[in-house]
């Protein structure tokens, strides 16, 4: 029971962290599964399951509130149930993946339930705003977190209770060894899905040749994943330096108003607004107005200071309760700081129009730079180390989230507050566009090295070859994999990833279907013994 409660509390925190502070991005399966392994007393198991699901989830994010497989709960549930399974750690991990992946897909059906409840709550917040009731507004904002966590915490608790009995061990003891072998292969193929989804989001037709740099670095120069990342950074910096003539970010013009001269906000007001956004920006996300309630909650201390008249204060709350959605890490703090500055300058119309003008362009830039590229690189490196049983993997990923995310949000808010209306002009100068371009280049180089290093598959098939030795015919078995390696090292991982890419981009299959195809193919081919994650040891 204590373990089930601990896992449930961990699931609650994971959900909150991905909606609010992004301290360690615990919502990602690498972090969720690794800590779940510590809680159930099987740390290696949590590492393996979390890392495998992490690589399957690359490029999959809730852009615009889209419902995706619940990889967080899948990692926790899979680790909890696998810990009670029979067999060696490798077999337990295969079972955990076999449970966690379908659980992640099935539990995604509960995600819209939580979001619909918050949609109803935001209308209650409208009533509090009309009354100028700041406490009521804050209460609705925080209560909106409950349905988000409930649809993840309840399945986690039930699965953890089931894992505490002996039933799981009895069931898994009867699973055929061939199925476990097949699931092991499927787990090694799943990263191809994540890589293919990433490539589908990126400008592959424009930058495909950059994949070769990373591939050569790993396959021929034997660079480790961190070395490939450093090469990618160098190439990206060179590329951006040589391409300064690229078009800037398109930012619509905003309505100009005459600003007031004297600052009226204290440092405490500014800190309070930023802290509210930092710790709870998306916990009240809903289908109708998305991040609007969180933005209004963050602006409330500023509006209270600037507008002593109730009518003006109410108008400010209602103004910032209108639809709002952008990248919460690169974009949201900029818009918040600019809105604060423009409200203080006595130009509320400019504050509103600036929000509308910036949220779209910054959403595209921010989501691409942070989620599609930076997160994918960091968590791929972390997962690759975790698959080796190295705790450096999740620790590295957590630190690379904690420090940069906190600093960049703090800087954005301060910069935008100082610049105010001039922010749009700075963005139009193209700085963010160049950052996005550099991140894209880095992403392609890194992916070129990560695909052969992480998608593990070899063929165990052989053919018989007759040669003449000292005048006598000699028949010997020749491994097909050896011939493939002579043709091109790591050919099969590249072909698998290319095939999955064609299914997702050209055939336009949904990711869930592609995952199903990869898992079924892995189980069948692994069970038959034709393919494996690695070649058998030679005697």
Protein backbone atom coordinates (compact mmCIF):
# COMPACT_ATOMS: atom_id res chain seq x y z
CA UNK A 1 0.00 0.00 0.00
CA UNK A 2 2.82 2.44 0.85
CA UNK A 3 4.50 1.79 -2.48
CA UNK A 4 1.19 2.35 -4.30
CA UNK A 5 0.68 5.65 -2.47
CA UNK A 6 4.25 6.74 -3.22
CA UNK A 7 3.82 5.97 -6.93
CA UNK A 8 0.53 7.86 -6.94
CA UNK A 9 2.12 10.92 -5.35
CA UNK A 10 4.92 10.70 -7.88
CA UNK A 11 2.38 10.56 -10.74
CA UNK A 12 0.71 13.68 -9.32
CA UNK A 13 4.00 15.55 -9.19
CA UNK A 14 4.97 14.43 -12.70
CA UNK A 15 1.72 15.86 -14.07
CA UNK A 16 2.12 19.12 -12.18
CA UNK A 17 5.74 19.57 -13.21
CA UNK A 18 4.82 19.32 -16.89
CA UNK A 19 2.10 21.95 -16.47
CA UNK A 20 3.81 24.40 -14.18
CA UNK A 21 7.45 24.86 -13.25
CA UNK A 22 9.20 22.34 -15.56
CA UNK A 23 11.77 21.84 -12.80
CA UNK A 24 12.98 18.45 -14.07
CA UNK A 25 10.24 17.83 -16.65
CA UNK A 26 9.11 14.81 -14.66
CA UNK A 27 6.28 14.26 -17.14
CA UNK A 28 8.76 12.76 -19.59
CA UNK A 29 8.88 8.93 -19.39
CA UNK A 30 12.66 8.85 -18.78
CA UNK A 31 12.28 10.79 -15.53
CA UNK A 32 8.93 9.27 -14.55
CA UNK A 33 10.09 5.69 -15.09
CA UNK A 34 13.51 6.13 -13.46
CA UNK A 35 12.10 7.49 -10.21
CA UNK A 36 9.32 4.88 -10.28
CA UNK A 37 12.06 2.24 -10.39
CA UNK A 38 13.61 3.70 -7.25
CA UNK A 39 10.23 3.70 -5.50
CA UNK A 40 9.52 0.02 -6.24
CA UNK A 41 13.08 -1.01 -5.42
CA UNK A 42 14.13 -1.90 -8.98
CA UNK A 43 16.13 1.11 -10.20
CA UNK A 44 17.62 -0.62 -13.26
CA UNK A 45 14.17 -1.71 -14.36
CA UNK A 46 12.84 1.83 -14.16
CA UNK A 47 15.81 3.11 -16.17
CA UNK A 48 15.29 0.60 -18.98
CA UNK A 49 11.52 1.03 -19.26
CA UNK A 50 11.61 4.80 -18.93
CA UNK A 51 14.39 5.15 -21.49
CA UNK A 52 12.69 2.90 -24.04
CA UNK A 53 9.37 4.73 -23.78
CA UNK A 54 11.23 8.06 -23.89
CA UNK A 55 12.75 7.19 -27.23
CA UNK A 56 9.38 6.07 -28.55
CA UNK A 57 7.90 9.41 -27.43
CA UNK A 58 10.44 11.67 -29.14
CA UNK A 59 8.74 14.42 -31.09
CA UNK A 60 5.37 13.68 -29.48
CA UNK A 61 4.12 16.67 -27.48
CA UNK A 62 0.76 18.21 -26.72
CA UNK A 63 1.09 20.93 -29.34
CA UNK A 64 -2.05 23.07 -29.16
CA UNK A 65 -3.47 20.76 -26.52
CA UNK A 66 -3.41 17.64 -28.72
CA UNK A 67 -4.07 14.34 -26.92
CA UNK A 68 -1.09 11.99 -27.10
CA UNK A 69 -0.30 8.61 -25.50
CA UNK A 70 0.16 8.99 -21.76
CA UNK A 71 3.81 7.90 -21.72
CA UNK A 72 4.29 9.26 -18.19
CA UNK A 73 1.69 6.93 -16.67
CA UNK A 74 2.75 4.14 -19.02
CA UNK A 75 6.32 4.33 -17.69
CA UNK A 76 5.18 4.34 -14.05
CA UNK A 77 2.58 1.58 -14.49
CA UNK A 78 4.91 -0.52 -16.64
CA UNK A 79 7.69 -0.26 -14.05
CA UNK A 80 5.33 -1.10 -11.17
CA UNK A 81 3.89 -4.18 -12.87
CA UNK A 82 7.25 -5.36 -14.24
CA UNK A 83 8.73 -5.20 -10.75
CA UNK A 84 6.28 -7.91 -9.70
CA UNK A 85 6.97 -10.06 -12.76
CA UNK A 86 8.97 -13.26 -12.85
CA UNK A 87 12.26 -13.61 -14.68
CA UNK A 88 15.58 -11.85 -15.17
CA UNK A 89 15.80 -8.04 -15.35
CA UNK A 90 15.90 -8.08 -19.16
CA UNK A 91 12.74 -10.19 -19.28
CA UNK A 92 11.07 -7.96 -16.69
CA UNK A 93 11.94 -4.88 -18.75
CA UNK A 94 10.45 -6.47 -21.89
CA UNK A 95 7.25 -7.22 -19.97
CA UNK A 96 7.20 -3.68 -18.56
CA UNK A 97 7.45 -2.22 -22.06
CA UNK A 98 4.78 -4.65 -23.25
CA UNK A 99 2.49 -3.35 -20.50
CA UNK A 100 3.53 0.30 -20.42
CA UNK A 101 3.16 1.02 -24.12
CA UNK A 102 -0.46 -0.17 -24.53
CA UNK A 103 -1.27 1.42 -21.17
CA UNK A 104 0.04 4.76 -22.45
CA UNK A 105 -2.11 4.47 -25.56
CA UNK A 106 -5.26 3.35 -23.74
CA UNK A 107 -4.97 5.91 -20.95
CA UNK A 108 -4.82 8.71 -23.50
CA UNK A 109 -8.60 8.30 -23.68
CA UNK A 110 -8.82 9.85 -20.20
CA UNK A 111 -6.89 12.98 -21.18
CA UNK A 112 -9.85 14.77 -22.82
CA UNK A 113 -11.91 14.11 -19.68
CA UNK A 114 -9.57 16.18 -17.55
CA UNK A 115 -9.41 18.96 -20.12
CA UNK A 116 -13.19 19.12 -20.47
CA UNK A 117 -13.63 19.58 -16.73
CA UNK A 118 -11.22 22.52 -16.74
CA UNK A 119 -13.15 24.01 -19.66
CA UNK A 120 -16.25 24.13 -17.46
CA UNK A 121 -14.29 25.65 -14.59
CA UNK A 122 -13.00 28.59 -16.63
CA UNK A 123 -16.57 29.94 -16.92
CA UNK A 124 -16.74 30.05 -13.14
CA UNK A 125 -13.54 32.09 -13.25
CA UNK A 126 -15.31 34.57 -15.54
CA UNK A 127 -17.84 35.21 -12.78
CA UNK A 128 -15.14 35.84 -10.20
CA UNK A 129 -13.36 38.21 -12.60
CA UNK A 130 -16.56 40.19 -13.15
CA UNK A 131 -16.88 40.59 -9.37
CA UNK A 132 -13.22 41.55 -8.99
CA UNK A 133 -12.77 38.48 -6.75
CA UNK A 134 -9.04 37.66 -6.92
CA UNK A 135 -9.28 34.80 -4.40
CA UNK A 136 -12.04 33.11 -6.36
CA UNK A 137 -10.02 33.45 -9.56
CA UNK A 138 -6.96 31.93 -7.89
CA UNK A 139 -9.02 29.10 -6.42
CA UNK A 140 -10.43 28.10 -9.82
CA UNK A 141 -6.95 28.27 -11.32
CA UNK A 142 -5.48 25.84 -8.79
CA UNK A 143 -8.55 23.60 -8.55
CA UNK A 144 -8.27 23.09 -12.31
CA UNK A 145 -5.16 21.01 -11.62
CA UNK A 146 -7.26 18.32 -9.89
CA UNK A 147 -8.82 16.76 -13.02
CA UNK A 148 -5.45 16.83 -14.76
CA UNK A 149 -3.82 14.77 -12.03
CA UNK A 150 -6.84 12.58 -11.26
CA UNK A 151 -6.93 10.92 -14.69
CA UNK A 152 -3.29 9.89 -14.18
CA UNK A 153 -3.08 9.27 -10.45
CA UNK A 154 -6.08 6.92 -10.20
CA UNK A 155 -4.86 4.43 -12.88
CA UNK A 156 -1.39 4.56 -11.32
CA UNK A 157 -2.76 3.71 -7.86
CA UNK A 158 -4.87 0.81 -9.17
CA UNK A 159 -1.99 -0.65 -11.17
CA UNK A 160 0.40 -0.32 -8.24
CA UNK A 161 -2.06 -2.16 -5.99
CA UNK A 162 -2.35 -4.95 -8.55
CA UNK A 163 1.44 -5.21 -8.75
CA UNK A 164 1.73 -5.68 -4.98
CA UNK A 165 0.00 -9.10 -5.16
CA UNK A 166 1.44 -12.35 -6.44
CA UNK A 167 -0.91 -12.50 -9.41
CA UNK A 168 1.47 -10.58 -11.68
CA UNK A 169 4.30 -13.01 -11.00
CA UNK A 170 2.07 -16.01 -11.66
CA UNK A 171 0.86 -14.56 -14.96
CA UNK A 172 4.28 -13.51 -16.23
CA UNK A 173 5.82 -16.86 -15.31
CA UNK A 174 3.62 -18.48 -17.95
CA UNK A 175 4.60 -16.05 -20.75
CA UNK A 176 6.50 -17.88 -23.53
CA UNK A 177 10.19 -17.08 -23.79
CA UNK A 178 9.74 -16.30 -27.48
CA UNK A 179 7.30 -13.51 -26.67
CA UNK A 180 9.74 -11.97 -24.20
CA UNK A 181 12.47 -12.23 -26.83
CA UNK A 182 10.19 -10.56 -29.35
CA UNK A 183 9.23 -7.74 -26.98
CA UNK A 184 12.92 -7.13 -26.32
CA UNK A 185 13.46 -6.61 -30.05
CA UNK A 186 10.34 -4.44 -30.28
CA UNK A 187 11.68 -2.25 -27.50
CA UNK A 188 14.92 -1.74 -29.40
CA UNK A 189 12.98 -0.79 -32.55
CA UNK A 190 10.60 1.69 -30.91
CA UNK A 191 13.10 4.60 -30.92
CA UNK A 192 12.77 4.57 -34.72
CA UNK A 193 9.20 5.82 -34.26
CA UNK A 194 10.35 8.83 -32.24
CA UNK A 195 13.13 9.64 -34.69
CA UNK A 196 10.77 9.35 -37.66
CA UNK A 197 8.24 11.68 -36.04
CA UNK A 198 10.99 14.22 -35.42
CA UNK A 199 12.19 14.05 -39.00
CA UNK A 200 8.62 14.53 -40.15
CA UNK A 201 8.43 17.81 -38.22
CA UNK A 202 11.74 19.10 -39.54
CA UNK A 203 12.78 20.37 -42.98
CA UNK A 204 14.23 17.07 -44.14
CA UNK A 205 14.22 17.97 -47.85
CA UNK A 206 16.32 21.05 -47.08
CA UNK A 207 18.80 19.73 -44.52
CA UNK A 208 18.95 15.95 -45.15
CA UNK A 209 22.69 16.03 -45.88
CA UNK A 210 23.39 17.10 -42.29
CA UNK A 211 22.30 13.65 -41.15
CA UNK A 212 25.41 12.27 -42.87
CA UNK A 213 27.70 14.25 -40.58
CA UNK A 214 26.29 12.63 -37.46
CA UNK A 215 26.15 9.20 -39.10
CA UNK A 216 29.79 9.30 -40.16
CA UNK A 217 30.78 10.56 -36.72
CA UNK A 218 29.21 7.54 -35.02
CA UNK A 219 29.57 4.75 -37.59
CA UNK A 220 33.09 5.48 -38.83
CA UNK A 221 34.75 7.83 -36.32
CA UNK A 222 33.22 6.04 -33.30
CA UNK A 223 32.27 9.28 -31.56
CA UNK A 224 30.12 8.93 -28.42
CA UNK A 225 26.72 10.62 -28.33
CA UNK A 226 28.09 13.62 -26.42
CA UNK A 227 30.86 14.04 -29.00
CA UNK A 228 28.29 14.01 -31.80
CA UNK A 229 26.33 16.70 -29.97
CA UNK A 230 29.45 18.88 -29.75
CA UNK A 231 30.07 18.44 -33.47
CA UNK A 232 26.46 19.46 -34.04
CA UNK A 233 26.92 22.63 -31.99
CA UNK A 234 29.98 23.60 -34.01
CA UNK A 235 28.21 22.98 -37.32
CA UNK A 236 25.15 24.94 -36.16
CA UNK A 237 27.23 27.96 -35.11
CA UNK A 238 29.08 27.93 -38.44
CA UNK A 239 25.83 27.57 -40.36
CA UNK A 240 24.10 30.48 -38.59
CA UNK A 241 27.16 32.69 -39.04
CA UNK A 242 27.16 32.07 -42.77
CA UNK A 243 23.39 32.43 -43.16
CA UNK A 244 22.68 35.79 -41.55
CA UNK A 245 20.69 36.84 -44.59
CA UNK A 246 17.84 34.44 -43.78
CA UNK A 247 14.38 36.06 -43.48
CA UNK A 248 13.40 37.38 -40.06
CA UNK A 249 10.48 36.32 -37.94
CA UNK A 250 7.21 37.79 -39.20
CA UNK A 251 5.58 39.78 -36.39
CA UNK A 252 2.31 41.64 -37.08
CA UNK A 253 2.23 45.34 -36.28
CA UNK A 254 0.55 46.40 -33.04
CA UNK A 255 -1.54 49.44 -32.31
CA UNK A 256 0.46 52.30 -30.83
CA UNK A 257 -0.62 54.36 -27.82
CA UNK A 258 1.03 57.18 -25.94
CA UNK A 259 2.69 55.68 -22.84
CA UNK A 260 2.73 57.08 -19.35
CA UNK A 261 6.09 58.24 -18.04
CA UNK A 262 6.48 57.14 -14.42
CA UNK A 263 6.84 53.48 -13.33
CA UNK A 264 4.20 52.51 -10.80
CA UNK A 265 5.08 48.87 -10.11
CA UNK A 266 7.40 47.70 -7.36
CA UNK A 267 9.95 44.92 -7.64
CA UNK A 268 7.73 42.85 -5.42
CA UNK A 269 4.85 43.22 -7.89
CA UNK A 270 7.07 42.05 -10.73
CA UNK A 271 8.43 39.10 -8.76
CA UNK A 272 4.91 38.06 -7.76
CA UNK A 273 3.69 38.10 -11.37
CA UNK A 274 6.67 36.10 -12.60
CA UNK A 275 6.46 33.56 -9.76
CA UNK A 276 2.81 32.90 -10.51
CA UNK A 277 3.60 32.27 -14.15
CA UNK A 278 6.66 30.16 -13.37
CA UNK A 279 4.94 27.83 -10.91
CA UNK A 280 1.51 27.46 -12.49
CA UNK A 281 1.33 28.74 -16.06
CA UNK A 282 -0.64 25.81 -17.53
CA UNK A 283 -2.34 24.06 -14.61
CA UNK A 284 -5.72 25.48 -15.68
CA UNK A 285 -5.26 24.76 -19.39
CA UNK A 286 -8.61 24.12 -21.07
CA UNK A 287 -9.98 23.52 -24.55
CA UNK A 288 -11.79 26.84 -24.81
CA UNK A 289 -9.19 29.43 -23.82
CA UNK A 290 -6.13 27.26 -23.23
CA UNK A 291 -3.57 29.24 -21.14
CA UNK A 292 -5.76 32.32 -20.58
CA UNK A 293 -6.67 31.69 -16.93
CA UNK A 294 -3.03 31.09 -16.00
CA UNK A 295 -2.03 34.31 -17.75
CA UNK A 296 -4.75 36.33 -16.01
CA UNK A 297 -3.74 34.82 -12.65
CA UNK A 298 -0.15 35.92 -13.29
CA UNK A 299 -1.22 39.44 -14.27
CA UNK A 300 -3.56 39.89 -11.29
CA UNK A 301 -0.99 41.38 -8.82
CA UNK A 302 0.04 43.91 -11.47
CA UNK A 303 -3.55 44.87 -12.28
CA UNK A 304 -4.38 45.24 -8.58
CA UNK A 305 -1.52 47.73 -8.16
CA UNK A 306 -2.18 49.67 -11.37
CA UNK A 307 -5.95 49.95 -11.18
CA UNK A 308 -7.28 50.98 -7.75
CA UNK A 309 -10.70 51.63 -9.28
CA UNK A 310 -12.70 48.38 -9.29
CA UNK A 311 -14.12 48.93 -12.77
CA UNK A 312 -10.66 49.30 -14.28
CA UNK A 313 -9.37 46.31 -12.28
CA UNK A 314 -12.26 44.13 -13.47
CA UNK A 315 -11.73 45.26 -17.05
CA UNK A 316 -8.05 44.26 -16.77
CA UNK A 317 -8.91 40.77 -15.49
CA UNK A 318 -11.45 40.26 -18.24
CA UNK A 319 -9.01 41.56 -20.84
CA UNK A 320 -6.44 38.93 -19.91
CA UNK A 321 -8.99 36.11 -19.60
CA UNK A 322 -9.39 36.11 -23.37
CA UNK A 323 -7.96 33.26 -25.44
CA UNK A 324 -4.21 32.87 -25.09
CA UNK A 325 -1.83 30.10 -26.10
CA UNK A 326 1.88 30.11 -26.90
CA UNK A 327 5.09 28.29 -26.02
CA UNK A 328 5.27 28.36 -22.24
CA UNK A 329 9.08 28.29 -22.09
CA UNK A 330 10.20 30.49 -24.97
CA UNK A 331 7.46 33.00 -25.67
CA UNK A 332 5.14 33.06 -22.69
CA UNK A 333 7.51 34.93 -20.34
CA UNK A 334 8.31 37.43 -23.12
CA UNK A 335 4.65 38.20 -23.67
CA UNK A 336 4.00 38.41 -19.93
CA UNK A 337 6.83 40.89 -19.38
CA UNK A 338 5.72 42.98 -22.33
CA UNK A 339 2.10 42.99 -21.16
CA UNK A 340 3.14 44.10 -17.68
CA UNK A 341 5.19 46.96 -19.13
CA UNK A 342 2.40 48.12 -21.43
CA UNK A 343 -0.23 47.97 -18.70
CA UNK A 344 2.08 50.02 -16.47
CA UNK A 345 2.57 52.52 -19.30
CA UNK A 346 -1.18 53.06 -19.37
CA UNK A 347 -1.63 51.48 -22.81
CA UNK A 348 -3.93 48.49 -22.19
CA UNK A 349 -4.97 48.28 -25.85
CA UNK A 350 -1.34 47.82 -26.85
CA UNK A 351 -0.96 45.14 -24.16
CA UNK A 352 -3.86 43.18 -25.61
CA UNK A 353 -2.83 43.62 -29.25
CA UNK A 354 0.79 42.70 -28.49
CA UNK A 355 -0.37 39.43 -26.92
CA UNK A 356 -2.36 38.57 -30.01
CA UNK A 357 0.45 39.56 -32.38
CA UNK A 358 3.21 37.63 -30.63
CA UNK A 359 1.61 34.45 -29.34
CA UNK A 360 1.38 32.76 -32.76
CA UNK A 361 4.92 33.40 -34.06
CA UNK A 362 6.47 32.69 -30.66
CA UNK A 363 4.50 29.45 -30.34
CA UNK A 364 5.99 28.20 -33.60
CA UNK A 365 9.53 29.26 -32.71
CA UNK A 366 9.39 28.22 -29.05
CA UNK A 367 7.85 24.80 -29.57
CA UNK A 368 10.30 24.01 -32.34
CA UNK A 369 13.39 25.13 -30.46
CA UNK A 370 12.45 23.74 -27.04
CA UNK A 371 10.31 20.67 -27.53
CA UNK A 372 11.08 19.36 -31.00
CA UNK A 373 14.83 20.06 -30.90
CA UNK A 374 16.39 20.86 -27.52
CA UNK A 375 14.29 18.43 -25.50
CA UNK A 376 14.70 15.69 -28.07
CA UNK A 377 18.48 16.02 -28.07
CA UNK A 378 18.79 16.19 -24.28
CA UNK A 379 16.39 13.33 -23.57
CA UNK A 380 17.82 11.17 -26.34
CA UNK A 381 21.27 11.50 -24.82
CA UNK A 382 19.85 10.78 -21.38
CA UNK A 383 17.92 7.76 -22.62
CA UNK A 384 20.95 6.35 -24.42
CA UNK A 385 22.93 6.38 -21.16
CA UNK A 386 19.97 5.01 -19.21
CA UNK A 387 19.72 2.03 -21.58
CA UNK A 388 23.26 1.19 -20.51
CA UNK A 389 22.14 1.17 -16.88
CA UNK A 390 23.84 4.51 -16.22
CA UNK A 391 22.08 6.92 -13.86
CA UNK A 392 23.89 9.77 -15.54
CA UNK A 393 21.10 9.58 -18.15
CA UNK A 394 18.10 10.84 -16.15
CA UNK A 395 20.29 13.08 -13.99
CA UNK A 396 21.78 14.75 -17.07
CA UNK A 397 18.32 15.29 -18.60
CA UNK A 398 16.91 16.71 -15.36
CA UNK A 399 19.80 19.16 -14.91
CA UNK A 400 19.65 20.23 -18.55
CA UNK A 401 15.99 21.11 -17.98
CA UNK A 402 16.23 22.65 -14.52
CA UNK A 403 18.99 25.20 -15.09
CA UNK A 404 18.41 26.50 -18.66
CA UNK A 405 14.61 26.57 -18.39
CA UNK A 406 14.68 28.56 -15.17
CA UNK A 407 17.29 31.04 -16.40
CA UNK A 408 15.80 31.61 -19.85
CA UNK A 409 12.33 32.29 -18.46
CA UNK A 410 13.66 34.74 -15.89
CA UNK A 411 15.71 36.54 -18.55
CA UNK A 412 12.80 36.72 -21.01
CA UNK A 413 10.48 38.29 -18.47
CA UNK A 414 13.03 40.94 -17.43
CA UNK A 415 14.06 41.72 -20.99
CA UNK A 416 10.47 42.08 -22.22
CA UNK A 417 9.50 44.26 -19.24
CA UNK A 418 12.38 46.65 -19.98
CA UNK A 419 11.67 46.76 -23.70
CA UNK A 420 7.88 46.95 -23.61
CA UNK A 421 6.46 47.98 -26.99
CA UNK A 422 9.86 47.74 -28.66
CA UNK A 423 9.84 43.97 -28.10
CA UNK A 424 8.06 43.30 -31.39
CA UNK A 425 10.74 45.23 -33.27
CA UNK A 426 13.52 43.23 -31.64
CA UNK A 427 11.84 39.97 -32.55
CA UNK A 428 11.29 41.10 -36.13
CA UNK A 429 15.05 41.67 -36.39
CA UNK A 430 15.37 37.89 -36.70
CA UNK A 431 17.32 36.84 -33.59
CA UNK A 432 14.85 34.12 -32.66
CA UNK A 433 14.61 32.97 -36.26
CA UNK A 434 18.38 32.44 -36.34
CA UNK A 435 18.25 30.55 -33.05
CA UNK A 436 15.57 28.28 -34.50
CA UNK A 437 17.65 27.71 -37.62
CA UNK A 438 20.75 26.86 -35.58
CA UNK A 439 18.74 24.47 -33.42
CA UNK A 440 17.41 22.77 -36.55
CA UNK A 441 20.93 22.25 -37.91
CA UNK A 442 22.08 20.89 -34.55
CA UNK A 443 19.07 18.57 -34.48
CA UNK A 444 19.85 17.05 -37.88
CA UNK A 445 23.51 16.41 -37.06
CA UNK A 446 22.65 14.81 -33.74
CA UNK A 447 19.87 12.68 -35.22
CA UNK A 448 22.29 11.39 -37.83
CA UNK A 449 24.43 9.93 -35.05
CA UNK A 450 21.64 8.95 -32.67
CA UNK A 451 19.69 6.80 -35.14
CA UNK A 452 22.40 4.14 -35.65
CA UNK A 453 23.51 4.30 -32.02
CA UNK A 454 20.09 3.84 -30.42
CA UNK A 455 17.91 1.86 -32.87
CA UNK A 456 19.35 -1.58 -32.12
CA UNK A 457 18.69 -4.31 -34.68
CA UNK A 458 20.78 -6.96 -36.42
CA UNK A 459 19.83 -10.05 -38.38
CA UNK A 460 20.80 -13.47 -37.08
CA UNK A 461 20.18 -15.17 -40.43
CA UNK A 462 23.00 -16.97 -42.22
CA UNK A 463 23.58 -18.57 -45.59
CA UNK A 464 25.88 -21.40 -46.61
CA UNK A 465 28.87 -20.72 -48.82
CA UNK A 466 31.18 -23.27 -50.40
CA UNK A 467 34.82 -22.36 -50.98
CA UNK A 468 37.89 -24.32 -51.97
CA UNK A 469 40.66 -24.65 -49.40
CA UNK A 470 43.84 -26.48 -50.47
CA UNK A 471 41.92 -28.11 -53.29
CA UNK A 472 39.12 -29.31 -51.06
CA UNK A 473 35.55 -27.86 -51.04
CA UNK A 474 34.63 -26.40 -47.66
CA UNK A 475 31.08 -25.34 -46.78
CA UNK A 476 30.71 -22.70 -44.09
CA UNK A 477 27.89 -20.62 -42.60
CA UNK A 478 28.20 -16.92 -43.34
CA UNK A 479 26.35 -14.37 -41.23
CA UNK A 480 24.28 -11.99 -43.37
CA UNK A 481 24.94 -9.25 -40.82
CA UNK A 482 28.68 -9.47 -41.52
CA UNK A 483 28.03 -8.85 -45.20
CA UNK A 484 25.72 -5.94 -44.41
CA UNK A 485 28.39 -4.39 -42.21
CA UNK A 486 30.86 -4.63 -45.06
CA UNK A 487 28.38 -2.86 -47.31
CA UNK A 488 27.41 -0.13 -44.81
CA UNK A 489 27.69 -0.27 -41.01
CA UNK A 490 24.36 0.08 -39.18
CA UNK A 491 22.38 -0.32 -42.39
CA UNK A 492 19.41 -2.01 -40.70
CA UNK A 493 18.76 0.75 -38.11
CA UNK A 494 18.79 3.31 -40.93
CA UNK A 495 16.42 1.22 -43.07
CA UNK A 496 14.03 0.65 -40.16
CA UNK A 497 13.92 4.38 -39.37
CA UNK A 498 13.43 5.21 -43.06
CA UNK A 499 10.60 2.71 -43.29
CA UNK A 500 8.86 4.15 -40.23
CA UNK A 501 9.33 7.65 -41.65
CA UNK A 502 7.56 6.59 -44.85
CA UNK A 503 4.67 5.19 -42.82
CA UNK A 504 4.26 8.38 -40.80
CA UNK A 505 4.91 11.02 -43.47
CA UNK A 506 4.14 9.43 -46.83
CA UNK A 507 1.44 6.93 -45.82
CA UNK A 508 0.18 9.43 -43.19
CA UNK A 509 -0.53 6.73 -40.60
CA UNK A 510 -1.25 7.93 -37.09
CA UNK A 511 1.63 7.42 -34.62
CA UNK A 512 -0.45 4.93 -32.62
CA UNK A 513 -0.84 2.72 -35.69
CA UNK A 514 2.84 3.00 -36.52
CA UNK A 515 3.78 2.01 -32.97
CA UNK A 516 1.46 -0.98 -33.27
CA UNK A 517 3.07 -2.06 -36.55
CA UNK A 518 6.59 -1.76 -35.11
CA UNK A 519 5.67 -3.71 -31.96
CA UNK A 520 3.96 -6.52 -33.88
CA UNK A 521 6.83 -6.77 -36.36
CA UNK A 522 9.35 -6.80 -33.52
CA UNK A 523 7.52 -9.51 -31.60
CA UNK A 524 7.10 -11.74 -34.67
CA UNK A 525 10.66 -11.35 -35.99
CA UNK A 526 12.18 -11.64 -32.53
CA UNK A 527 10.09 -14.69 -31.65
CA UNK A 528 11.15 -16.38 -34.89
CA UNK A 529 14.76 -15.57 -34.05
CA UNK A 530 15.48 -13.88 -37.37
CA UNK A 531 16.42 -10.54 -35.86
CA UNK A 532 17.73 -9.39 -32.46
CA UNK A 533 18.88 -6.18 -30.75
CA UNK A 534 22.50 -7.37 -30.98
CA UNK A 535 24.47 -10.15 -32.59
CA UNK A 536 24.94 -13.33 -30.52
CA UNK A 537 28.33 -13.72 -28.92
CA UNK A 538 30.76 -15.63 -31.09
CA UNK A 539 32.35 -18.68 -29.52
